[in-house]
Amino acid sequence: MKIVVAVDSDKKTIVTRTGQCSYFAIYEDEKLLELIPNAHHDGGHHHHQHHDHEEHTNSHKKDVQNLKGCDIILVRAVGENMKEALESIGLKIKKIRKKDGESADEVIHNFLEGKIE
């Protein structure tokens, strides 16, 4: 199973808003496979003025194409546009909370151990 988490610029701290993360970290079991930069990071929302919902969702869809083939993404919060984009490539979205872990390694471990409800 390939699991995605949204992480900060330190490449390990879980971010609150998925669409604003620096990287998407892809894990298989407890092994980090890849870090994919998020094009929306650093205010991509402000640099590209989106005029409508569909245009905004489509820009997120382009950003998440590299996550195709992954099974699930663990998120604290996800906006409607990003949610649509993630679902469009077949990713299952699972909400997590701060108590589930602060770092990607911790969250992945807890998820695989069945500790995340």
Protein backbone atom coordinates (compact mmCIF):
# COMPACT_ATOMS: atom_id res chain seq x y z
CA MET A 1 0.00 0.00 0.00
CA LYS A 2 1.29 3.45 -0.93
CA ILE A 3 0.43 6.12 1.61
CA VAL A 4 0.77 9.88 1.06
CA VAL A 5 1.19 12.56 3.75
CA ALA A 6 1.50 16.33 3.28
CA VAL A 7 4.68 17.64 4.89
CA ASP A 8 6.39 20.96 5.53
CA SER A 9 9.68 22.23 4.08
CA ASP A 10 11.60 20.14 6.65
CA LYS A 11 10.21 17.11 4.76
CA LYS A 12 8.87 15.46 7.90
CA THR A 13 6.43 17.67 9.85
CA ILE A 14 2.76 17.09 9.01
CA VAL A 15 1.05 20.28 7.74
CA THR A 16 -2.48 21.28 8.60
CA ARG A 17 -3.67 22.40 5.16
CA THR A 18 -2.90 19.78 2.54
CA GLY A 19 -2.99 22.19 -0.40
CA GLN A 20 -0.35 24.42 1.24
CA CYS A 21 2.22 21.69 1.96
CA SER A 22 5.78 21.93 0.68
CA TYR A 23 5.97 18.26 -0.27
CA PHE A 24 3.87 15.17 -0.62
CA ALA A 25 5.76 12.30 1.05
CA ILE A 26 5.00 8.88 -0.41
CA TYR A 27 5.52 5.86 1.83
CA GLU A 28 5.28 2.16 1.15
CA ASP A 29 4.89 0.42 4.47
CA GLU A 30 7.14 2.47 6.76
CA LYS A 31 9.70 3.30 4.06
CA LEU A 32 9.82 6.77 2.48
CA LEU A 33 9.84 6.24 -1.29
CA GLU A 34 9.66 9.75 -2.65
CA LEU A 35 9.13 13.42 -1.87
CA ILE A 36 7.13 15.30 -4.50
CA PRO A 37 7.22 19.12 -4.39
CA ASN A 38 3.80 20.78 -4.27
CA ALA A 39 3.47 23.47 -6.95
CA HIS A 40 0.83 25.30 -4.86
CA HIS A 41 3.29 25.82 -2.00
CA ASP A 42 4.30 29.42 -1.21
CA GLY A 43 0.98 30.92 -2.07
CA GLY A 44 0.35 29.36 -5.45
CA HIS A 45 -3.19 30.47 -4.77
CA HIS A 46 -2.10 34.10 -4.85
CA HIS A 47 0.27 33.98 -7.79
CA HIS A 48 -2.27 32.35 -10.07
CA GLN A 49 -5.54 34.16 -9.61
CA HIS A 50 -8.17 31.50 -10.14
CA HIS A 51 -11.33 32.92 -11.58
CA ASP A 52 -13.60 30.04 -10.87
CA HIS A 53 -13.92 26.81 -8.93
CA GLU A 54 -13.25 24.57 -11.93
CA GLU A 55 -10.06 26.42 -12.88
CA HIS A 56 -8.81 26.22 -9.28
CA THR A 57 -9.63 22.50 -9.04
CA ASN A 58 -7.90 21.87 -12.37
CA SER A 59 -4.72 23.56 -11.17
CA HIS A 60 -4.72 21.24 -8.12
CA LYS A 61 -5.39 18.27 -10.42
CA LYS A 62 -2.18 19.08 -12.33
CA ASP A 63 -0.29 19.32 -9.03
CA VAL A 64 -1.40 15.87 -7.82
CA GLN A 65 -0.83 13.86 -11.02
CA ASN A 66 2.46 12.55 -9.56
CA LEU A 67 0.47 10.92 -6.74
CA LYS A 68 -1.37 8.61 -9.16
CA GLY A 69 -0.95 4.99 -8.17
CA CYS A 70 -0.98 5.76 -4.45
CA ASP A 71 -3.77 4.31 -2.34
CA ILE A 72 -4.52 6.77 0.45
CA ILE A 73 -3.61 10.22 1.71
CA LEU A 74 -3.65 11.06 5.42
CA VAL A 75 -4.72 14.68 5.96
CA ARG A 76 -5.51 17.04 8.83
CA ALA A 77 -7.53 19.42 6.67
CA VAL A 78 -8.23 19.54 2.96
CA GLY A 79 -10.00 22.24 0.97
CA GLU A 80 -12.80 21.39 -1.43
CA ASN A 81 -10.69 21.97 -4.59
CA MET A 82 -7.80 19.82 -3.36
CA LYS A 83 -10.25 17.14 -2.17
CA GLU A 84 -11.78 16.95 -5.66
CA ALA A 85 -8.32 16.80 -7.24
CA LEU A 86 -7.18 13.96 -4.94
CA GLU A 87 -10.37 11.97 -5.49
CA SER A 88 -10.07 12.46 -9.25
CA ILE A 89 -6.88 10.35 -9.27
CA GLY A 90 -8.44 7.68 -7.07
CA LEU A 91 -6.85 8.57 -3.74
CA LYS A 92 -8.81 7.68 -0.62
CA ILE A 93 -8.75 10.54 1.90
CA LYS A 94 -8.39 9.74 5.61
CA LYS A 95 -8.60 12.49 8.23
CA ILE A 96 -6.00 12.48 10.99
CA ARG A 97 -5.62 14.59 14.13
CA LYS A 98 -2.65 16.09 15.95
CA LYS A 99 -2.74 13.24 18.48
CA ASP A 100 -2.05 10.80 15.59
CA GLY A 101 1.45 12.24 15.26
CA GLU A 102 3.43 15.36 14.39
CA SER A 103 5.93 13.75 12.00
CA ALA A 104 5.30 11.76 8.84
CA ASP A 105 7.13 8.71 10.24
CA GLU A 106 5.02 8.76 13.39
CA VAL A 107 1.71 9.15 11.51
CA ILE A 108 2.59 6.38 9.03
CA HIS A 109 3.61 4.06 11.88
CA ASN A 110 0.39 4.74 13.82
CA PHE A 111 -1.73 4.26 10.68
CA LEU A 112 -0.09 0.93 9.82
CA GLU A 113 -0.45 -0.22 13.45
CA GLY A 114 -4.18 0.50 13.24
CA LYS A 115 -4.01 3.25 15.86
CA ILE A 116 -5.75 5.89 13.74
CA GLU A 117 -9.55 5.61 13.88
